[in-house]
Amino acid sequence: MLIAIDGPAGAGKSSVARALARELGFAYLNSGAMYRCVALAALEHGVLAVGAQRESPPPGALGALARALEIDPGGRGGGSQGRVRLDGRDVSEQIRTPEVSEAASVVAADRDVRSALLAKQRELIAHGDWVAEGRDIGTVVAPDAELKVFLTADPDERARRRAAELGADAATVLAEQTLRDERDATREHSPLAPALGSVTIDTTGSSVEQVVARIAGLAHGPRSY
């Protein structure tokens, strides 16, 4: 069985998906970690710069890099919180820096990168039971998933969650989040949107356990939603 969970940053996708995978004994795929790996590699190889030095990368450079990388997003073995590996090295902490987060938003809008990672993601989830989360799992990666869920939450609460996770200022996170939401929703390739036939769940004011219980109930119950 495949459960696809999509939604914007701060809606609780990662926390809910990891916990749900543990609850059900499924493997867990964090597709966002894969984009972050490409972003980290792009920064390290000088293919991409952010901040004051930001400029467009050479045509095709990001896609070629994405295809060449060996990415292990972890998460196998019953939803364990595995370590993320890039070309064999553990980058679990490196991919969570603000610089990589900014670069990942740029990388995710690149058609060639999305095509390269789409192939890698589909190969990963082709066998076994998975909880896969991201921004286009139900719409692009696995539109035939048995259960598709779109998580959302109040923008202020999403920003507070991200700020607590990153140790950053909530107002700054909210401003950056607004820009990222706009990019994600309006990008030409795989824009962020609920998948056809998905169940939208507003996580505002809900605990991870409450959201997991609701999705687990959908997974176990009749497909009448």
Protein backbone atom coordinates (compact mmCIF):
# COMPACT_ATOMS: atom_id res chain seq x y z
CA MET A 1 0.00 0.00 0.00
CA LEU A 2 1.13 3.56 -0.69
CA ILE A 3 -0.05 6.56 1.31
CA ALA A 4 0.80 9.92 -0.28
CA ILE A 5 0.96 12.96 1.99
CA ASP A 6 1.40 16.41 0.46
CA GLY A 7 1.17 19.96 1.73
CA PRO A 8 3.09 23.18 2.35
CA ALA A 9 5.99 23.66 4.77
CA GLY A 10 4.94 23.68 8.41
CA ALA A 11 1.71 21.74 7.86
CA GLY A 12 3.19 18.78 9.72
CA LYS A 13 3.96 16.48 6.78
CA SER A 14 7.28 15.10 8.01
CA SER A 15 6.27 14.59 11.64
CA VAL A 16 2.95 13.01 10.67
CA ALA A 17 4.39 10.85 7.90
CA ARG A 18 7.20 9.49 10.08
CA ALA A 19 4.82 8.72 12.93
CA LEU A 20 2.27 7.16 10.59
CA ALA A 21 4.92 4.95 9.00
CA ARG A 22 5.98 3.73 12.45
CA GLU A 23 2.35 3.13 13.42
CA LEU A 24 1.62 1.07 10.31
CA GLY A 25 5.05 -0.55 9.96
CA PHE A 26 5.57 1.05 6.54
CA ALA A 27 8.72 2.47 5.00
CA TYR A 28 8.93 6.27 4.91
CA LEU A 29 9.95 8.50 2.01
CA ASN A 30 10.75 12.17 2.59
CA SER A 31 10.96 13.50 -0.95
CA GLY A 32 11.92 16.95 0.32
CA ALA A 33 15.16 15.51 1.68
CA MET A 34 16.05 14.44 -1.85
CA TYR A 35 15.61 17.98 -3.19
CA ARG A 36 17.67 19.26 -0.28
CA CYS A 37 20.44 16.82 -1.20
CA VAL A 38 20.52 18.20 -4.75
CA ALA A 39 20.56 21.73 -3.33
CA LEU A 40 23.47 20.90 -1.02
CA ALA A 41 25.43 19.33 -3.86
CA ALA A 42 24.68 22.32 -6.12
CA LEU A 43 26.04 24.70 -3.49
CA GLU A 44 29.11 22.58 -2.85
CA HIS A 45 29.88 22.23 -6.56
CA GLY A 46 29.35 25.92 -7.23
CA VAL A 47 26.45 25.20 -9.58
CA LEU A 48 24.13 27.37 -7.50
CA ALA A 49 24.59 30.33 -5.17
CA VAL A 50 22.06 31.94 -2.83
CA GLY A 51 21.79 35.21 -0.97
CA ALA A 52 23.56 38.24 -2.42
CA GLN A 53 25.50 35.99 -4.82
CA ARG A 54 22.38 34.33 -6.20
CA GLU A 55 22.23 33.93 -9.96
CA SER A 56 20.67 31.48 -12.40
CA PRO A 57 22.66 28.25 -12.84
CA PRO A 58 23.83 27.23 -16.34
CA PRO A 59 21.05 25.56 -18.38
CA GLY A 60 20.84 21.85 -17.67
CA ALA A 61 23.46 21.95 -14.90
CA LEU A 62 21.09 21.18 -12.01
CA GLY A 63 19.40 18.32 -13.85
CA ALA A 64 22.73 16.73 -14.80
CA LEU A 65 23.87 16.98 -11.18
CA ALA A 66 20.63 15.46 -9.86
CA ARG A 67 20.89 12.50 -12.21
CA ALA A 68 24.48 11.79 -11.16
CA LEU A 69 23.87 11.85 -7.41
CA GLU A 70 23.32 8.77 -5.28
CA ILE A 71 20.69 9.72 -2.72
CA ASP A 72 19.47 7.51 0.11
CA PRO A 73 16.69 9.38 1.96
CA GLY A 74 16.52 6.73 4.70
CA GLY A 75 13.21 5.67 6.16
CA ARG A 76 13.29 1.98 5.37
CA GLY A 77 12.61 -0.57 8.08
CA GLY A 78 9.16 0.23 9.40
CA GLY A 79 9.31 4.00 9.22
CA SER A 80 12.55 4.36 11.16
CA GLN A 81 14.00 7.84 11.22
CA GLY A 82 16.95 6.85 9.05
CA ARG A 83 19.86 9.06 8.19
CA VAL A 84 19.95 10.83 4.84
CA ARG A 85 22.99 9.96 2.74
CA LEU A 86 24.37 11.76 -0.29
CA ASP A 87 26.94 9.80 -2.31
CA GLY A 88 27.55 7.64 0.75
CA ARG A 89 28.03 10.38 3.36
CA ASP A 90 25.59 11.35 6.10
CA VAL A 91 24.17 14.82 5.36
CA SER A 92 21.17 14.69 7.70
CA GLU A 93 22.14 17.91 9.49
CA GLN A 94 23.73 19.73 6.56
CA ILE A 95 20.56 19.66 4.46
CA ARG A 96 18.59 21.47 7.19
CA THR A 97 20.56 24.73 7.14
CA PRO A 98 18.79 27.96 6.05
CA GLU A 99 21.11 28.23 3.04
CA VAL A 100 20.18 24.78 1.80
CA SER A 101 16.50 25.47 2.46
CA GLU A 102 16.66 28.55 0.22
CA ALA A 103 18.56 26.64 -2.46
CA ALA A 104 16.10 23.73 -2.30
CA SER A 105 13.24 26.04 -3.27
CA VAL A 106 15.19 27.05 -6.39
CA VAL A 107 16.17 23.47 -7.19
CA ALA A 108 12.59 22.22 -6.84
CA ALA A 109 11.41 24.57 -9.59
CA ASP A 110 13.85 23.11 -12.13
CA ARG A 111 12.14 20.78 -14.62
CA ASP A 112 15.22 18.58 -15.16
CA VAL A 113 15.74 18.13 -11.42
CA ARG A 114 12.11 17.16 -10.90
CA SER A 115 12.35 14.65 -13.75
CA ALA A 116 15.52 13.10 -12.33
CA LEU A 117 14.13 12.80 -8.79
CA LEU A 118 10.77 11.59 -10.04
CA ALA A 119 12.50 8.54 -11.51
CA LYS A 120 14.43 7.94 -8.27
CA GLN A 121 11.30 8.30 -6.12
CA ARG A 122 9.21 5.96 -8.24
CA GLU A 123 11.99 3.37 -8.12
CA LEU A 124 12.07 3.57 -4.32
CA ILE A 125 8.31 3.15 -3.78
CA ALA A 126 7.75 0.54 -6.48
CA HIS A 127 7.76 -2.32 -3.97
CA GLY A 128 6.46 -2.70 -0.45
CA ASP A 129 4.32 -0.49 1.78
CA TRP A 130 5.22 3.20 1.95
CA VAL A 131 4.20 6.51 3.46
CA ALA A 132 5.60 9.10 1.05
CA GLU A 133 5.46 12.82 1.74
CA GLY A 134 6.28 15.94 -0.22
CA ARG A 135 4.62 18.52 -2.42
CA ASP A 136 3.72 16.48 -5.51
CA ILE A 137 3.48 12.86 -4.35
CA GLY A 138 -0.24 12.49 -4.98
CA THR A 139 -0.33 14.67 -8.09
CA VAL A 140 2.81 13.54 -9.95
CA VAL A 141 4.95 10.89 -8.27
CA ALA A 142 2.16 8.47 -7.36
CA PRO A 143 -1.25 9.64 -8.61
CA ASP A 144 -2.53 6.07 -8.23
CA ALA A 145 -1.69 5.90 -4.50
CA GLU A 146 -4.35 4.03 -2.53
CA LEU A 147 -4.70 6.94 -0.11
CA LYS A 148 -3.83 10.58 -0.83
CA VAL A 149 -3.83 13.21 1.90
CA PHE A 150 -3.21 16.96 1.69
CA LEU A 151 -2.20 18.55 4.99
CA THR A 152 -2.64 22.26 5.58
CA ALA A 153 -2.67 24.64 8.55
CA ASP A 154 -3.08 28.30 9.42
CA PRO A 155 -0.08 30.24 7.99
CA ASP A 156 0.81 31.76 11.38
CA GLU A 157 0.81 28.36 13.05
CA ARG A 158 2.88 26.88 10.23
CA ALA A 159 5.43 29.67 10.67
CA ARG A 160 5.56 29.14 14.45
CA ARG A 161 6.20 25.42 13.97
CA ARG A 162 8.99 26.03 11.46
CA ALA A 163 10.54 28.73 13.64
CA ALA A 164 10.58 26.38 16.63
CA GLU A 165 12.11 23.62 14.51
CA LEU A 166 14.81 25.90 13.08
CA GLY A 167 15.38 28.09 16.14
CA ALA A 168 14.54 31.14 14.02
CA ASP A 169 12.40 34.26 14.35
CA ALA A 170 8.73 33.51 13.60
CA ALA A 171 8.15 36.77 11.70
CA THR A 172 11.13 36.09 9.45
CA VAL A 173 9.99 32.53 8.84
CA LEU A 174 6.47 33.75 8.01
CA ALA A 175 7.83 36.19 5.41
CA GLU A 176 10.02 33.51 3.82
CA GLN A 177 7.15 31.02 3.98
CA THR A 178 4.82 33.39 2.13
CA LEU A 179 7.33 33.73 -0.70
CA ARG A 180 7.90 29.98 -0.86
CA ASP A 181 4.18 29.24 -0.87
CA GLU A 182 3.79 31.58 -3.83
CA ARG A 183 6.65 29.91 -5.72
CA ASP A 184 5.36 26.43 -4.95
CA ALA A 185 1.79 27.22 -5.99
CA THR A 186 2.64 29.06 -9.21
CA ARG A 187 5.67 27.18 -10.53
CA GLU A 188 5.27 25.78 -14.02
CA HIS A 189 6.25 22.23 -13.14
CA SER A 190 4.32 20.26 -10.50
CA PRO A 191 2.72 23.20 -8.65
CA LEU A 192 1.63 22.54 -5.08
CA ALA A 193 -2.05 21.58 -5.02
CA PRO A 194 -4.29 18.87 -3.54
CA ALA A 195 -4.34 15.74 -5.70
CA LEU A 196 -7.54 14.57 -7.33
CA GLY A 197 -9.35 12.35 -4.85
CA SER A 198 -7.22 13.43 -1.89
CA VAL A 199 -8.47 14.09 1.63
CA THR A 200 -7.61 17.57 2.95
CA ILE A 201 -6.83 17.72 6.66
CA ASP A 202 -6.33 21.03 8.49
CA THR A 203 -3.80 20.35 11.25
CA THR A 204 -4.25 23.71 13.01
CA GLY A 205 -4.52 23.04 16.73
CA SER A 206 -4.14 19.27 16.27
CA SER A 207 -1.41 17.09 17.70
CA VAL A 208 0.67 14.75 15.54
CA GLU A 209 -1.02 11.83 17.27
CA GLN A 210 -4.48 13.11 16.39
CA VAL A 211 -3.62 13.56 12.72
CA VAL A 212 -1.92 10.16 12.55
CA ALA A 213 -4.97 8.50 14.10
CA ARG A 214 -7.23 10.09 11.49
CA ILE A 215 -5.07 9.03 8.55
CA ALA A 216 -4.59 5.53 9.97
CA GLY A 217 -8.36 5.28 10.20
CA LEU A 218 -8.67 6.23 6.55
CA ALA A 219 -6.03 3.66 5.61
CA HIS A 220 -7.84 0.88 7.48
CA GLY A 221 -11.37 1.94 6.59
CA PRO A 222 -13.47 1.70 3.43
CA ARG A 223 -12.50 4.00 0.54
CA SER A 224 -15.72 6.03 0.74
CA TYR A 225 -14.21 9.49 1.24
